[in-house]
Amino acid sequence: LSLRHAGTWTCSITGDPGVTLMNAEARPVVSVRADPWMQGDPAEPPHPVELAAGGKAYFDIGWNVVPHESEGETRCPFTEGLRVTAPGDTAPLTQQTEMTVCGGRIKVGQVRATENPTPAN
């Protein structure tokens, strides 16, 4: 996913965005956790991303689409909205997005400067 800086100044963001998946009533239905696997090297601290006016920062989300039957899940929650808060911000951005997320959680990576990072070896 990407976040675009709508201001007219340069800013810097660092870390994990806040992500909430919601039902049709805008109530949260899926928990979120940061995941070092999505960050690259887990020993490496988050890097600041400098954003000029109109610039973008990127982050990944991941989820499972197979029910967790061992945990009693026979159907996966259906979500209809995505709410994202940039690191260090308090104003969420909301978008209608339909997703089926099994296991009741998603993984979220740190913001980064490039759309398609080079995979770690």
C-alpha atoms as a PDB file:
ATOM      1  CA  LEU A   1       0.000   0.000   0.000  1.00  0.00           C
ATOM      2  CA  SER A   2       1.117   3.600  -0.346  1.00  0.00           C
ATOM      3  CA  LEU A   3       0.638   6.844   1.532  1.00  0.00           C
ATOM      4  CA  ARG A   4       0.910  10.135  -0.360  1.00  0.00           C
ATOM      5  CA  HIS A   5       2.013  13.331   1.393  1.00  0.00           C
ATOM      6  CA  ALA A   6      -0.713  15.909   0.645  1.00  0.00           C
ATOM      7  CA  GLY A   7       1.095  18.843   2.304  1.00  0.00           C
ATOM      8  CA  THR A   8       3.202  21.530   0.656  1.00  0.00           C
ATOM      9  CA  TRP A   9       6.304  20.973   2.842  1.00  0.00           C
ATOM     10  CA  THR A  10       8.823  18.142   3.227  1.00  0.00           C
ATOM     11  CA  CYS A  11       8.260  15.755   6.118  1.00  0.00           C
ATOM     12  CA  SER A  12       9.757  12.563   7.505  1.00  0.00           C
ATOM     13  CA  ILE A  13       7.980   9.427   8.757  1.00  0.00           C
ATOM     14  CA  THR A  14       9.446   6.353  10.450  1.00  0.00           C
ATOM     15  CA  GLY A  15       8.018   3.036  11.614  1.00  0.00           C
ATOM     16  CA  ASP A  16       4.797   1.080  11.365  1.00  0.00           C
ATOM     17  CA  PRO A  17       1.549   2.564  10.117  1.00  0.00           C
ATOM     18  CA  GLY A  18      -1.612   1.911  12.102  1.00  0.00           C
ATOM     19  CA  VAL A  19      -3.944  -0.389  10.149  1.00  0.00           C
ATOM     20  CA  THR A  20      -7.483  -1.439  11.035  1.00  0.00           C
ATOM     21  CA  LEU A  21      -9.800  -3.622   8.963  1.00  0.00           C
ATOM     22  CA  MET A  22     -13.463  -2.815   9.573  1.00  0.00           C
ATOM     23  CA  ASN A  23     -16.911  -4.275   8.947  1.00  0.00           C
ATOM     24  CA  ALA A  24     -19.807  -2.450   7.239  1.00  0.00           C
ATOM     25  CA  GLU A  25     -20.574  -0.605  10.516  1.00  0.00           C
ATOM     26  CA  ALA A  26     -16.939   0.705  10.676  1.00  0.00           C
ATOM     27  CA  ARG A  27     -16.158  -1.545  13.664  1.00  0.00           C
ATOM     28  CA  PRO A  28     -12.727  -3.223  13.808  1.00  0.00           C
ATOM     29  CA  VAL A  29     -12.846  -6.929  12.900  1.00  0.00           C
ATOM     30  CA  VAL A  30      -9.197  -7.911  12.523  1.00  0.00           C
ATOM     31  CA  SER A  31      -6.236  -7.377  14.838  1.00  0.00           C
ATOM     32  CA  VAL A  32      -2.935  -6.097  13.508  1.00  0.00           C
ATOM     33  CA  ARG A  33       0.632  -6.901  14.410  1.00  0.00           C
ATOM     34  CA  ALA A  34       3.965  -5.654  13.164  1.00  0.00           C
ATOM     35  CA  ASP A  35       5.957  -8.470  11.601  1.00  0.00           C
ATOM     36  CA  PRO A  36       9.776  -8.485  11.401  1.00  0.00           C
ATOM     37  CA  TRP A  37       9.541 -10.918   8.457  1.00  0.00           C
ATOM     38  CA  MET A  38       7.999  -8.107   6.409  1.00  0.00           C
ATOM     39  CA  GLN A  39      10.634  -5.604   7.553  1.00  0.00           C
ATOM     40  CA  GLY A  40      13.722  -7.254   6.048  1.00  0.00           C
ATOM     41  CA  ASP A  41      16.523  -7.676   8.598  1.00  0.00           C
ATOM     42  CA  PRO A  42      14.805  -7.743  12.045  1.00  0.00           C
ATOM     43  CA  ALA A  43      17.973  -6.405  13.701  1.00  0.00           C
ATOM     44  CA  GLU A  44      17.871  -3.294  11.546  1.00  0.00           C
ATOM     45  CA  PRO A  45      16.009  -0.301  13.022  1.00  0.00           C
ATOM     46  CA  PRO A  46      13.315   1.508  11.004  1.00  0.00           C
ATOM     47  CA  HIS A  47      14.622   4.035   8.489  1.00  0.00           C
ATOM     48  CA  PRO A  48      13.140   7.540   8.195  1.00  0.00           C
ATOM     49  CA  VAL A  49      11.377   8.178   4.891  1.00  0.00           C
ATOM     50  CA  GLU A  50      11.667  11.762   3.625  1.00  0.00           C
ATOM     51  CA  LEU A  51       8.561  12.896   1.749  1.00  0.00           C
ATOM     52  CA  ALA A  52       8.486  15.973  -0.448  1.00  0.00           C
ATOM     53  CA  ALA A  53       5.085  17.456  -1.277  1.00  0.00           C
ATOM     54  CA  GLY A  54       3.202  14.787  -3.236  1.00  0.00           C
ATOM     55  CA  GLY A  55       5.791  12.114  -2.342  1.00  0.00           C
ATOM     56  CA  LYS A  56       4.842   8.548  -1.418  1.00  0.00           C
ATOM     57  CA  ALA A  57       5.856   6.057   1.244  1.00  0.00           C
ATOM     58  CA  TYR A  58       5.048   2.367   0.943  1.00  0.00           C
ATOM     59  CA  PHE A  59       4.291  -0.518   3.316  1.00  0.00           C
ATOM     60  CA  ASP A  60       3.175  -4.124   3.016  1.00  0.00           C
ATOM     61  CA  ILE A  61       0.294  -5.960   4.602  1.00  0.00           C
ATOM     62  CA  GLY A  62      -0.123  -9.717   4.555  1.00  0.00           C
ATOM     63  CA  TRP A  63      -2.915 -12.068   5.573  1.00  0.00           C
ATOM     64  CA  ASN A  64      -4.026 -15.658   5.375  1.00  0.00           C
ATOM     65  CA  VAL A  65      -6.970 -16.803   3.241  1.00  0.00           C
ATOM     66  CA  VAL A  66      -7.250 -20.342   4.664  1.00  0.00           C
ATOM     67  CA  PRO A  67      -9.478 -20.874   7.738  1.00  0.00           C
ATOM     68  CA  HIS A  68      -7.624 -21.765  10.950  1.00  0.00           C
ATOM     69  CA  GLU A  69      -9.629 -24.936  11.565  1.00  0.00           C
ATOM     70  CA  SER A  70      -7.372 -25.998  14.453  1.00  0.00           C
ATOM     71  CA  GLU A  71      -8.569 -22.833  16.232  1.00  0.00           C
ATOM     72  CA  GLY A  72     -12.227 -23.566  15.428  1.00  0.00           C
ATOM     73  CA  GLU A  73     -12.470 -21.122  12.535  1.00  0.00           C
ATOM     74  CA  THR A  74     -14.719 -22.453   9.769  1.00  0.00           C
ATOM     75  CA  ARG A  75     -15.398 -19.123   8.034  1.00  0.00           C
ATOM     76  CA  CYS A  76     -13.071 -16.188   7.655  1.00  0.00           C
ATOM     77  CA  PRO A  77     -14.110 -12.644   8.619  1.00  0.00           C
ATOM     78  CA  PHE A  78     -15.129 -10.411   5.734  1.00  0.00           C
ATOM     79  CA  THR A  79     -14.007  -6.808   5.934  1.00  0.00           C
ATOM     80  CA  GLU A  80     -15.357  -3.843   4.011  1.00  0.00           C
ATOM     81  CA  GLY A  81     -13.075  -1.005   5.036  1.00  0.00           C
ATOM     82  CA  LEU A  82      -9.436  -0.205   5.633  1.00  0.00           C
ATOM     83  CA  ARG A  83      -8.311   2.524   8.031  1.00  0.00           C
ATOM     84  CA  VAL A  84      -4.637   3.600   7.940  1.00  0.00           C
ATOM     85  CA  THR A  85      -2.812   6.060  10.175  1.00  0.00           C
ATOM     86  CA  ALA A  86       0.678   7.132   9.108  1.00  0.00           C
ATOM     87  CA  PRO A  87       3.426   6.688  11.726  1.00  0.00           C
ATOM     88  CA  GLY A  88       3.460   9.690  14.054  1.00  0.00           C
ATOM     89  CA  ASP A  89       0.073  10.942  12.831  1.00  0.00           C
ATOM     90  CA  THR A  90      -3.351  10.816  14.486  1.00  0.00           C
ATOM     91  CA  ALA A  91      -5.655  11.428  11.508  1.00  0.00           C
ATOM     92  CA  PRO A  92      -6.701   8.121   9.906  1.00  0.00           C
ATOM     93  CA  LEU A  93      -7.357   7.675   6.204  1.00  0.00           C
ATOM     94  CA  THR A  94     -10.265   5.384   5.308  1.00  0.00           C
ATOM     95  CA  GLN A  95     -10.922   3.446   2.120  1.00  0.00           C
ATOM     96  CA  GLN A  96     -13.617   0.948   1.180  1.00  0.00           C
ATOM     97  CA  THR A  97     -11.799  -2.341   0.635  1.00  0.00           C
ATOM     98  CA  GLU A  98     -13.332  -5.796   0.651  1.00  0.00           C
ATOM     99  CA  MET A  99     -11.066  -8.511   2.049  1.00  0.00           C
ATOM    100  CA  THR A 100     -11.469 -11.972   3.539  1.00  0.00           C
ATOM    101  CA  VAL A 101      -8.898 -12.371   6.308  1.00  0.00           C
ATOM    102  CA  CYS A 102      -8.545 -15.725   8.054  1.00  0.00           C
ATOM    103  CA  GLY A 103      -7.073 -16.200  11.497  1.00  0.00           C
ATOM    104  CA  GLY A 104      -8.349 -12.827  12.675  1.00  0.00           C
ATOM    105  CA  ARG A 105      -5.088 -10.932  12.092  1.00  0.00           C
ATOM    106  CA  ILE A 106      -2.918  -9.276   9.474  1.00  0.00           C
ATOM    107  CA  LYS A 107       0.794  -8.493   9.336  1.00  0.00           C
ATOM    108  CA  VAL A 108       1.998  -4.947   8.692  1.00  0.00           C
ATOM    109  CA  GLY A 109       5.471  -3.852   7.619  1.00  0.00           C
ATOM    110  CA  GLN A 110       7.310  -0.584   8.244  1.00  0.00           C
ATOM    111  CA  VAL A 111       7.034   2.334   5.848  1.00  0.00           C
ATOM    112  CA  ARG A 112       9.780   2.499   3.243  1.00  0.00           C
ATOM    113  CA  ALA A 113      10.822   4.810   0.432  1.00  0.00           C
ATOM    114  CA  THR A 114      10.555   2.408  -2.526  1.00  0.00           C
ATOM    115  CA  GLU A 115       7.532   0.732  -4.045  1.00  0.00           C
ATOM    116  CA  ASN A 116       9.259  -2.583  -4.785  1.00  0.00           C
ATOM    117  CA  PRO A 117      12.190  -3.165  -2.424  1.00  0.00           C
ATOM    118  CA  THR A 118      15.019  -5.532  -3.281  1.00  0.00           C
ATOM    119  CA  PRO A 119      14.309  -8.905  -1.615  1.00  0.00           C
ATOM    120  CA  ALA A 120      16.665  -9.948   1.184  1.00  0.00           C
ATOM    121  CA  ASN A 121      18.937 -12.909   0.352  1.00  0.00           C
END
